[in-house]
N, C-alpha and C. Protein backbone atom coordinates (compact mmCIF):
# COMPACT_ATOMS: atom_id res chain seq x y z
N MET A 1 0.82 -1.19 0.00
CA MET A 1 0.00 0.00 0.00
C MET A 1 0.87 1.27 0.00
N LYS A 2 1.96 1.25 0.79
CA LYS A 2 2.85 2.41 0.85
C LYS A 2 3.46 2.68 -0.51
N LYS A 3 3.84 1.61 -1.21
CA LYS A 3 4.43 1.79 -2.54
C LYS A 3 3.41 2.41 -3.50
N TYR A 4 2.16 1.99 -3.37
CA TYR A 4 1.10 2.52 -4.23
C TYR A 4 0.91 4.02 -3.98
N ILE A 5 0.82 4.42 -2.71
CA ILE A 5 0.64 5.83 -2.36
C ILE A 5 1.85 6.63 -2.82
N PHE A 6 3.04 6.11 -2.60
CA PHE A 6 4.26 6.79 -3.01
C PHE A 6 4.29 6.96 -4.53
N SER A 7 3.87 5.93 -5.26
CA SER A 7 3.89 6.01 -6.72
C SER A 7 2.90 7.06 -7.24
N ILE A 8 1.87 7.34 -6.48
CA ILE A 8 0.91 8.37 -6.87
C ILE A 8 1.41 9.75 -6.46
N LEU A 9 1.95 9.87 -5.27
CA LEU A 9 2.38 11.16 -4.75
C LEU A 9 3.65 11.69 -5.41
N LEU A 10 4.59 10.83 -5.72
CA LEU A 10 5.86 11.28 -6.28
C LEU A 10 5.67 12.08 -7.57
N PRO A 11 4.92 11.58 -8.55
CA PRO A 11 4.73 12.39 -9.77
C PRO A 11 4.01 13.72 -9.49
N THR A 12 3.09 13.70 -8.54
CA THR A 12 2.36 14.93 -8.19
C THR A 12 3.31 15.95 -7.60
N ILE A 13 4.15 15.53 -6.67
CA ILE A 13 5.10 16.44 -6.03
C ILE A 13 6.11 16.96 -7.05
N LEU A 14 6.65 16.06 -7.88
CA LEU A 14 7.61 16.49 -8.90
C LEU A 14 6.98 17.45 -9.90
N GLY A 15 5.73 17.18 -10.25
CA GLY A 15 5.02 18.06 -11.18
C GLY A 15 4.81 19.44 -10.59
N ALA A 16 4.45 19.48 -9.32
CA ALA A 16 4.24 20.77 -8.65
C ALA A 16 5.56 21.54 -8.57
N MET A 17 6.65 20.85 -8.29
CA MET A 17 7.94 21.51 -8.21
C MET A 17 8.36 22.06 -9.57
N ALA A 18 8.05 21.34 -10.62
CA ALA A 18 8.41 21.78 -11.96
C ALA A 18 7.62 23.01 -12.38
N CYS A 19 6.40 23.17 -11.84
CA CYS A 19 5.55 24.29 -12.22
C CYS A 19 5.85 25.56 -11.43
N GLN A 20 6.61 25.47 -10.35
CA GLN A 20 6.91 26.65 -9.57
C GLN A 20 7.76 27.61 -10.38
N LYS A 21 7.45 28.89 -10.23
CA LYS A 21 8.22 29.92 -10.92
C LYS A 21 9.42 30.27 -10.05
N GLU A 22 10.54 30.52 -10.69
CA GLU A 22 11.74 30.90 -9.95
C GLU A 22 11.64 32.38 -9.59
N GLU A 23 11.55 32.64 -8.29
CA GLU A 23 11.44 34.01 -7.81
C GLU A 23 12.81 34.67 -7.82
N VAL A 24 12.82 35.92 -8.26
CA VAL A 24 14.06 36.68 -8.29
C VAL A 24 13.85 38.00 -7.55
N ASN A 25 14.87 38.45 -6.87
CA ASN A 25 14.83 39.74 -6.21
C ASN A 25 15.54 40.72 -7.13
N ILE A 26 14.82 41.63 -7.74
CA ILE A 26 15.32 42.47 -8.80
C ILE A 26 15.64 43.87 -8.27
N LYS A 27 16.82 44.36 -8.55
CA LYS A 27 17.24 45.71 -8.14
C LYS A 27 17.90 46.43 -9.30
N PRO A 28 17.18 46.66 -10.40
CA PRO A 28 17.79 47.33 -11.56
C PRO A 28 17.96 48.84 -11.33
N ASP A 29 18.79 49.45 -12.16
CA ASP A 29 19.02 50.90 -12.08
C ASP A 29 17.83 51.69 -12.63
N GLU A 30 17.12 51.07 -13.58
CA GLU A 30 15.96 51.72 -14.19
C GLU A 30 14.83 50.71 -14.29
N TYR A 31 13.61 51.15 -13.97
CA TYR A 31 12.48 50.24 -14.07
C TYR A 31 11.17 51.01 -14.03
N LEU A 32 10.11 50.30 -14.39
CA LEU A 32 8.74 50.79 -14.28
C LEU A 32 7.94 49.71 -13.58
N VAL A 33 7.35 50.06 -12.45
CA VAL A 33 6.44 49.15 -11.74
C VAL A 33 5.04 49.71 -11.91
N PHE A 34 4.07 48.84 -12.20
CA PHE A 34 2.68 49.27 -12.32
C PHE A 34 1.79 48.15 -11.81
N GLY A 35 0.71 48.54 -11.17
CA GLY A 35 -0.16 47.51 -10.63
C GLY A 35 -1.52 48.04 -10.25
N TYR A 36 -2.38 47.10 -9.93
CA TYR A 36 -3.74 47.41 -9.50
C TYR A 36 -3.92 46.82 -8.12
N ILE A 37 -4.29 47.67 -7.17
CA ILE A 37 -4.41 47.26 -5.78
C ILE A 37 -5.79 47.66 -5.28
N GLY A 38 -6.50 46.70 -4.72
CA GLY A 38 -7.79 46.98 -4.11
C GLY A 38 -7.55 47.44 -2.68
N ILE A 39 -7.98 48.63 -2.35
CA ILE A 39 -7.70 49.13 -1.00
C ILE A 39 -8.95 49.62 -0.29
N GLY A 40 -10.11 49.27 -0.77
CA GLY A 40 -11.36 49.71 -0.15
C GLY A 40 -11.46 49.28 1.29
N TRP A 41 -12.16 48.20 1.57
CA TRP A 41 -12.32 47.73 2.94
C TRP A 41 -11.08 47.03 3.45
N LYS A 42 -10.38 46.38 2.57
CA LYS A 42 -9.17 45.65 2.96
C LYS A 42 -8.20 45.68 1.79
N CYS A 43 -6.95 45.99 2.07
CA CYS A 43 -5.94 46.06 1.02
C CYS A 43 -5.69 44.67 0.44
N LYS A 44 -5.69 44.60 -0.90
CA LYS A 44 -5.43 43.34 -1.58
C LYS A 44 -4.71 43.63 -2.90
N VAL A 45 -3.53 43.03 -3.05
CA VAL A 45 -2.78 43.20 -4.29
C VAL A 45 -3.46 42.35 -5.36
N LEU A 46 -3.92 42.99 -6.42
CA LEU A 46 -4.56 42.27 -7.51
C LEU A 46 -3.54 41.93 -8.59
N ALA A 47 -2.59 42.82 -8.83
CA ALA A 47 -1.51 42.55 -9.78
C ALA A 47 -0.50 43.68 -9.71
N ILE A 48 0.78 43.33 -9.61
CA ILE A 48 1.85 44.31 -9.72
C ILE A 48 2.91 43.72 -10.65
N HIS A 49 3.33 44.51 -11.62
CA HIS A 49 4.32 44.07 -12.60
C HIS A 49 5.48 45.05 -12.67
N MET A 50 6.61 44.56 -13.17
CA MET A 50 7.78 45.42 -13.36
C MET A 50 8.36 45.17 -14.75
N ILE A 51 8.71 46.26 -15.42
CA ILE A 51 9.46 46.19 -16.67
C ILE A 51 10.86 46.70 -16.35
N ALA A 52 11.85 45.87 -16.60
CA ALA A 52 13.24 46.25 -16.35
C ALA A 52 14.16 45.46 -17.27
N ASP A 53 15.15 46.13 -17.83
CA ASP A 53 16.17 45.47 -18.66
C ASP A 53 15.56 44.60 -19.77
N GLY A 54 14.49 45.07 -20.38
CA GLY A 54 13.88 44.35 -21.49
C GLY A 54 13.16 43.09 -21.08
N LYS A 55 12.74 43.00 -19.84
CA LYS A 55 12.02 41.83 -19.31
C LYS A 55 10.80 42.30 -18.53
N LEU A 56 9.82 41.41 -18.40
CA LEU A 56 8.62 41.68 -17.61
C LEU A 56 8.58 40.70 -16.45
N TYR A 57 8.30 41.23 -15.28
CA TYR A 57 8.21 40.42 -14.07
C TYR A 57 6.86 40.65 -13.42
N THR A 58 6.40 39.67 -12.65
CA THR A 58 5.19 39.85 -11.86
C THR A 58 5.52 39.63 -10.40
N ASP A 59 4.94 40.45 -9.54
CA ASP A 59 5.23 40.40 -8.11
C ASP A 59 4.52 39.21 -7.47
N THR A 60 5.23 38.52 -6.60
CA THR A 60 4.65 37.39 -5.89
C THR A 60 4.72 37.58 -4.38
N SER A 61 5.28 38.69 -3.94
CA SER A 61 5.51 38.88 -2.51
C SER A 61 4.24 39.24 -1.73
N ASN A 62 3.31 39.93 -2.37
CA ASN A 62 2.10 40.42 -1.71
C ASN A 62 2.42 41.24 -0.46
N VAL A 63 3.56 41.91 -0.44
CA VAL A 63 3.95 42.69 0.73
C VAL A 63 3.51 44.15 0.64
N TYR A 64 3.00 44.58 -0.48
CA TYR A 64 2.61 45.98 -0.63
C TYR A 64 1.67 46.40 0.50
N CYS A 65 0.69 45.60 0.80
CA CYS A 65 -0.30 45.98 1.81
C CYS A 65 0.26 46.01 3.22
N LYS A 66 1.36 45.32 3.46
CA LYS A 66 1.95 45.30 4.80
C LYS A 66 2.70 46.58 5.11
N ASP A 67 3.44 47.11 4.16
CA ASP A 67 4.23 48.32 4.39
C ASP A 67 4.40 49.06 3.07
N GLN A 68 3.39 49.83 2.73
CA GLN A 68 3.34 50.50 1.43
C GLN A 68 4.53 51.41 1.17
N GLU A 69 4.97 52.13 2.16
CA GLU A 69 6.05 53.09 1.95
C GLU A 69 7.41 52.42 1.73
N LYS A 70 7.56 51.19 2.18
CA LYS A 70 8.84 50.49 2.01
C LYS A 70 8.72 49.36 0.99
N TYR A 71 7.71 49.43 0.13
CA TYR A 71 7.48 48.36 -0.84
C TYR A 71 8.70 48.16 -1.73
N SER A 72 9.09 46.91 -1.88
CA SER A 72 10.19 46.54 -2.76
C SER A 72 9.75 45.34 -3.59
N PHE A 73 9.87 45.44 -4.88
CA PHE A 73 9.40 44.41 -5.80
C PHE A 73 10.16 43.11 -5.62
N SER A 74 9.44 42.00 -5.64
CA SER A 74 10.02 40.67 -5.64
C SER A 74 9.07 39.77 -6.42
N GLY A 75 9.58 39.06 -7.39
CA GLY A 75 8.69 38.24 -8.19
C GLY A 75 9.44 37.34 -9.14
N TYR A 76 8.77 36.95 -10.21
CA TYR A 76 9.39 36.08 -11.20
C TYR A 76 9.21 36.65 -12.61
N GLN A 77 10.09 36.21 -13.49
CA GLN A 77 10.08 36.70 -14.87
C GLN A 77 8.99 35.99 -15.67
N LEU A 78 8.32 36.77 -16.50
CA LEU A 78 7.32 36.23 -17.42
C LEU A 78 7.96 36.03 -18.79
N SER A 79 7.24 35.41 -19.67
CA SER A 79 7.77 35.10 -21.00
C SER A 79 7.96 36.36 -21.84
N ASP A 80 8.78 36.24 -22.87
CA ASP A 80 9.00 37.35 -23.80
C ASP A 80 7.69 37.74 -24.48
N ASN A 81 6.81 36.77 -24.71
CA ASN A 81 5.52 37.05 -25.33
C ASN A 81 4.71 38.02 -24.46
N GLU A 82 4.73 37.82 -23.15
CA GLU A 82 4.01 38.72 -22.24
C GLU A 82 4.68 40.09 -22.20
N TYR A 83 6.00 40.11 -22.19
CA TYR A 83 6.73 41.38 -22.22
C TYR A 83 6.38 42.19 -23.46
N ASN A 84 6.28 41.53 -24.60
CA ASN A 84 5.97 42.22 -25.85
C ASN A 84 4.62 42.93 -25.81
N LYS A 85 3.71 42.46 -24.97
CA LYS A 85 2.39 43.08 -24.85
C LYS A 85 2.45 44.45 -24.17
N VAL A 86 3.49 44.67 -23.34
CA VAL A 86 3.53 45.90 -22.55
C VAL A 86 4.83 46.69 -22.68
N LYS A 87 5.74 46.24 -23.52
CA LYS A 87 7.04 46.92 -23.62
C LYS A 87 6.92 48.39 -24.00
N ASN A 88 5.88 48.75 -24.73
CA ASN A 88 5.69 50.13 -25.16
C ASN A 88 5.32 51.07 -24.00
N LEU A 89 4.95 50.53 -22.85
CA LEU A 89 4.54 51.36 -21.72
C LEU A 89 5.69 52.22 -21.18
N VAL A 90 6.91 51.75 -21.32
CA VAL A 90 8.06 52.53 -20.87
C VAL A 90 8.25 53.73 -21.79
N ALA A 91 8.19 53.50 -23.09
CA ALA A 91 8.36 54.59 -24.07
C ALA A 91 7.20 55.59 -23.99
N GLN A 92 6.02 55.12 -23.64
CA GLN A 92 4.84 55.99 -23.56
C GLN A 92 4.76 56.76 -22.24
N PHE A 93 5.64 56.46 -21.31
CA PHE A 93 5.56 57.09 -19.98
C PHE A 93 5.56 58.61 -20.13
N PRO A 94 4.56 59.29 -19.56
CA PRO A 94 4.45 60.74 -19.77
C PRO A 94 5.49 61.54 -18.97
N ALA A 95 6.21 62.40 -19.65
CA ALA A 95 7.21 63.26 -19.01
C ALA A 95 6.55 64.16 -17.98
N GLU A 96 5.29 64.53 -18.22
CA GLU A 96 4.57 65.39 -17.27
C GLU A 96 4.43 64.73 -15.90
N LEU A 97 4.28 63.43 -15.91
CA LEU A 97 4.13 62.71 -14.64
C LEU A 97 5.43 62.75 -13.84
N LEU A 98 6.54 62.63 -14.53
CA LEU A 98 7.84 62.73 -13.85
C LEU A 98 8.02 64.12 -13.22
N LYS A 99 7.52 65.14 -13.89
CA LYS A 99 7.63 66.50 -13.36
C LYS A 99 6.75 66.70 -12.12
N GLU A 100 5.68 65.93 -12.01
CA GLU A 100 4.77 66.04 -10.86
C GLU A 100 5.46 65.58 -9.58
N GLY A 101 6.39 64.64 -9.71
CA GLY A 101 6.99 64.05 -8.52
C GLY A 101 6.02 63.09 -7.87
N THR A 102 6.42 62.46 -6.79
CA THR A 102 5.56 61.52 -6.08
C THR A 102 4.28 62.23 -5.67
N LYS A 103 3.13 61.60 -6.00
CA LYS A 103 1.86 62.29 -5.79
C LYS A 103 0.71 61.28 -5.78
N THR A 104 -0.40 61.67 -5.17
CA THR A 104 -1.64 60.91 -5.21
C THR A 104 -2.64 61.69 -6.04
N PHE A 105 -3.31 61.01 -6.96
CA PHE A 105 -4.34 61.62 -7.78
C PHE A 105 -5.69 61.04 -7.38
N GLY A 106 -6.61 61.91 -7.04
CA GLY A 106 -7.94 61.45 -6.65
C GLY A 106 -7.94 60.91 -5.24
N CYS A 107 -8.79 59.95 -5.01
CA CYS A 107 -8.96 59.38 -3.68
C CYS A 107 -8.91 57.86 -3.77
N PRO A 108 -7.71 57.28 -3.94
CA PRO A 108 -7.61 55.82 -4.01
C PRO A 108 -8.17 55.17 -2.76
N GLY A 109 -9.03 54.20 -2.95
CA GLY A 109 -9.61 53.48 -1.82
C GLY A 109 -10.93 54.04 -1.34
N CYS A 110 -11.27 55.25 -1.74
CA CYS A 110 -12.55 55.82 -1.35
C CYS A 110 -13.67 55.06 -2.04
N ALA A 111 -14.80 55.05 -1.42
CA ALA A 111 -15.98 54.37 -1.97
C ALA A 111 -15.65 52.92 -2.31
N ASP A 112 -14.84 52.28 -1.44
CA ASP A 112 -14.44 50.88 -1.60
C ASP A 112 -13.67 50.62 -2.89
N GLY A 113 -13.08 51.63 -3.44
CA GLY A 113 -12.34 51.47 -4.68
C GLY A 113 -10.91 51.00 -4.47
N GLY A 114 -10.20 50.98 -5.55
CA GLY A 114 -8.81 50.57 -5.52
C GLY A 114 -7.95 51.65 -6.12
N MET A 115 -6.75 51.25 -6.52
CA MET A 115 -5.86 52.25 -7.10
C MET A 115 -4.95 51.64 -8.14
N LEU A 116 -4.56 52.50 -9.04
CA LEU A 116 -3.48 52.22 -9.98
C LEU A 116 -2.22 52.68 -9.28
N TYR A 117 -1.24 51.80 -9.18
CA TYR A 117 0.02 52.10 -8.51
C TYR A 117 1.11 52.14 -9.56
N ILE A 118 1.89 53.22 -9.57
CA ILE A 118 3.00 53.36 -10.51
C ILE A 118 4.24 53.75 -9.72
N GLN A 119 5.33 53.10 -10.05
CA GLN A 119 6.63 53.44 -9.46
C GLN A 119 7.63 53.50 -10.60
N ARG A 120 8.44 54.56 -10.62
CA ARG A 120 9.40 54.72 -11.71
C ARG A 120 10.77 55.06 -11.14
N LYS A 121 11.76 54.38 -11.63
CA LYS A 121 13.15 54.64 -11.24
C LYS A 121 13.93 54.88 -12.52
N GLU A 122 14.59 56.04 -12.57
CA GLU A 122 15.49 56.34 -13.67
C GLU A 122 16.91 56.36 -13.12
N LYS A 123 17.85 55.95 -13.94
CA LYS A 123 19.24 55.87 -13.52
C LYS A 123 19.73 57.19 -12.92
N GLY A 124 20.31 57.10 -11.73
CA GLY A 124 20.85 58.27 -11.07
C GLY A 124 19.83 59.16 -10.39
N LYS A 125 18.57 58.76 -10.38
CA LYS A 125 17.51 59.58 -9.76
C LYS A 125 16.78 58.76 -8.69
N ASP A 126 16.06 59.47 -7.84
CA ASP A 126 15.28 58.81 -6.80
C ASP A 126 14.04 58.14 -7.39
N VAL A 127 13.55 57.15 -6.69
CA VAL A 127 12.30 56.47 -7.07
C VAL A 127 11.15 57.45 -6.88
N GLN A 128 10.24 57.47 -7.84
CA GLN A 128 9.02 58.27 -7.72
C GLN A 128 7.83 57.32 -7.73
N THR A 129 6.82 57.67 -6.97
CA THR A 129 5.65 56.81 -6.82
C THR A 129 4.37 57.62 -6.99
N TRP A 130 3.39 57.04 -7.67
CA TRP A 130 2.10 57.67 -7.84
C TRP A 130 1.00 56.69 -7.48
N ARG A 131 0.02 57.19 -6.76
CA ARG A 131 -1.18 56.43 -6.40
C ARG A 131 -2.35 57.15 -7.06
N ILE A 132 -3.11 56.40 -7.85
CA ILE A 132 -4.14 57.03 -8.67
C ILE A 132 -5.46 56.30 -8.47
N ASP A 133 -6.50 57.06 -8.22
CA ASP A 133 -7.85 56.52 -8.07
C ASP A 133 -8.15 55.58 -9.24
N ASP A 134 -8.68 54.39 -8.94
CA ASP A 134 -8.91 53.41 -10.01
C ASP A 134 -10.02 53.79 -10.98
N SER A 135 -10.73 54.87 -10.71
CA SER A 135 -11.74 55.30 -11.68
C SER A 135 -11.10 55.78 -12.99
N ILE A 136 -9.79 55.96 -12.98
CA ILE A 136 -9.07 56.36 -14.19
C ILE A 136 -9.26 55.33 -15.31
N PHE A 137 -9.55 54.08 -14.92
CA PHE A 137 -9.71 53.02 -15.91
C PHE A 137 -11.01 53.16 -16.71
N TYR A 138 -12.00 53.86 -16.16
CA TYR A 138 -13.30 53.87 -16.84
C TYR A 138 -14.00 55.22 -16.91
N ARG A 139 -13.41 56.29 -16.34
CA ARG A 139 -14.03 57.61 -16.52
C ARG A 139 -12.98 58.71 -16.43
N ASP A 140 -13.37 59.92 -16.78
CA ASP A 140 -12.44 61.04 -16.86
C ASP A 140 -12.19 61.73 -15.52
N THR A 141 -12.97 61.38 -14.49
CA THR A 141 -12.84 62.02 -13.19
C THR A 141 -12.63 60.98 -12.10
N ASP A 142 -12.08 61.44 -10.97
CA ASP A 142 -11.92 60.54 -9.83
C ASP A 142 -13.25 60.46 -9.07
N VAL A 143 -13.26 59.77 -7.93
CA VAL A 143 -14.51 59.60 -7.19
C VAL A 143 -15.02 60.91 -6.61
N ASN A 144 -14.16 61.93 -6.52
CA ASN A 144 -14.58 63.26 -6.06
C ASN A 144 -15.00 64.16 -7.22
N ASN A 145 -15.07 63.59 -8.42
CA ASN A 145 -15.44 64.30 -9.65
C ASN A 145 -14.42 65.36 -10.07
N ASP A 146 -13.18 65.20 -9.65
CA ASP A 146 -12.10 66.06 -10.13
C ASP A 146 -11.51 65.42 -11.38
N LYS A 147 -11.29 66.23 -12.41
CA LYS A 147 -10.77 65.71 -13.68
C LYS A 147 -9.32 65.25 -13.53
N PHE A 148 -9.02 64.13 -14.17
CA PHE A 148 -7.63 63.68 -14.27
C PHE A 148 -6.93 64.51 -15.34
N PRO A 149 -5.63 64.80 -15.20
CA PRO A 149 -4.91 65.45 -16.29
C PRO A 149 -4.98 64.57 -17.54
N ALA A 150 -5.08 65.18 -18.71
CA ALA A 150 -5.24 64.44 -19.96
C ALA A 150 -4.12 63.42 -20.17
N TYR A 151 -2.87 63.80 -19.90
CA TYR A 151 -1.75 62.87 -20.10
C TYR A 151 -1.88 61.65 -19.19
N LEU A 152 -2.37 61.87 -17.98
CA LEU A 152 -2.52 60.77 -17.02
C LEU A 152 -3.68 59.86 -17.42
N LEU A 153 -4.73 60.44 -17.92
CA LEU A 153 -5.88 59.67 -18.36
C LEU A 153 -5.49 58.70 -19.48
N LEU A 154 -4.75 59.21 -20.46
CA LEU A 154 -4.31 58.36 -21.58
C LEU A 154 -3.38 57.24 -21.09
N TYR A 155 -2.43 57.60 -20.24
CA TYR A 155 -1.47 56.61 -19.76
C TYR A 155 -2.13 55.59 -18.82
N GLY A 156 -3.01 56.06 -17.96
CA GLY A 156 -3.72 55.16 -17.06
C GLY A 156 -4.52 54.11 -17.81
N ARG A 157 -5.15 54.53 -18.89
CA ARG A 157 -5.93 53.57 -19.70
C ARG A 157 -5.01 52.60 -20.42
N ALA A 158 -3.84 53.08 -20.87
CA ALA A 158 -2.87 52.18 -21.51
C ALA A 158 -2.36 51.14 -20.51
N LEU A 159 -2.10 51.57 -19.27
CA LEU A 159 -1.66 50.62 -18.24
C LEU A 159 -2.77 49.61 -17.93
N GLY A 160 -4.00 50.09 -17.83
CA GLY A 160 -5.13 49.18 -17.58
C GLY A 160 -5.27 48.13 -18.66
N LYS A 161 -5.14 48.56 -19.91
CA LYS A 161 -5.23 47.63 -21.04
C LYS A 161 -4.07 46.63 -20.99
N GLY A 162 -2.87 47.14 -20.73
CA GLY A 162 -1.70 46.26 -20.66
C GLY A 162 -1.85 45.21 -19.55
N MET A 163 -2.30 45.63 -18.38
CA MET A 163 -2.47 44.68 -17.27
C MET A 163 -3.51 43.61 -17.62
N ALA A 164 -4.55 44.02 -18.33
CA ALA A 164 -5.60 43.06 -18.70
C ALA A 164 -5.09 42.01 -19.69
N GLU A 165 -4.09 42.35 -20.47
CA GLU A 165 -3.56 41.43 -21.48
C GLU A 165 -2.50 40.46 -20.95
N ILE A 166 -1.87 40.81 -19.83
CA ILE A 166 -0.79 39.97 -19.29
C ILE A 166 -1.38 38.71 -18.66
N LYS A 167 -0.80 37.58 -19.02
CA LYS A 167 -1.17 36.29 -18.43
C LYS A 167 -0.02 35.86 -17.55
N TYR A 168 -0.26 35.78 -16.25
CA TYR A 168 0.83 35.51 -15.33
C TYR A 168 0.53 34.44 -14.30
N ARG A 169 -0.61 33.85 -14.29
CA ARG A 169 -0.95 32.84 -13.27
C ARG A 169 -0.89 31.46 -13.83
């Protein structure tokens, strides 16, 4: 009986080990992190991705909700096919947003909503972070009915579309 159980469990365990993604701790000089986080009643990471050095990674740490201000990306690399779906997001990054500096747009988490999270690091510069009301994905104003800047509206929708296309699970 033990041999029978072992013969069933061994392939299952080996198969599960083969399917695990190799997690990497990435610290590039330049990168773009973008994600969607539900922060209404309870913070929940829905998806966070990083583009760095011509590769796309997805976060597996789920630590954003534990300490938002000290968030550090940790995850695994996705296929080149997935990277190709979003590689243009770095080139499309609005210069106006960089001029804004770290900032919150709208009221992320209000009315049980979530937020678009963006983090950008350029070589030789400090990390900048933006938290944006998730209504940017489907309307021109935040939950307080304040208009989003036009450049942010276009880029927010591009990020939303890119996140929807990435297959990472």
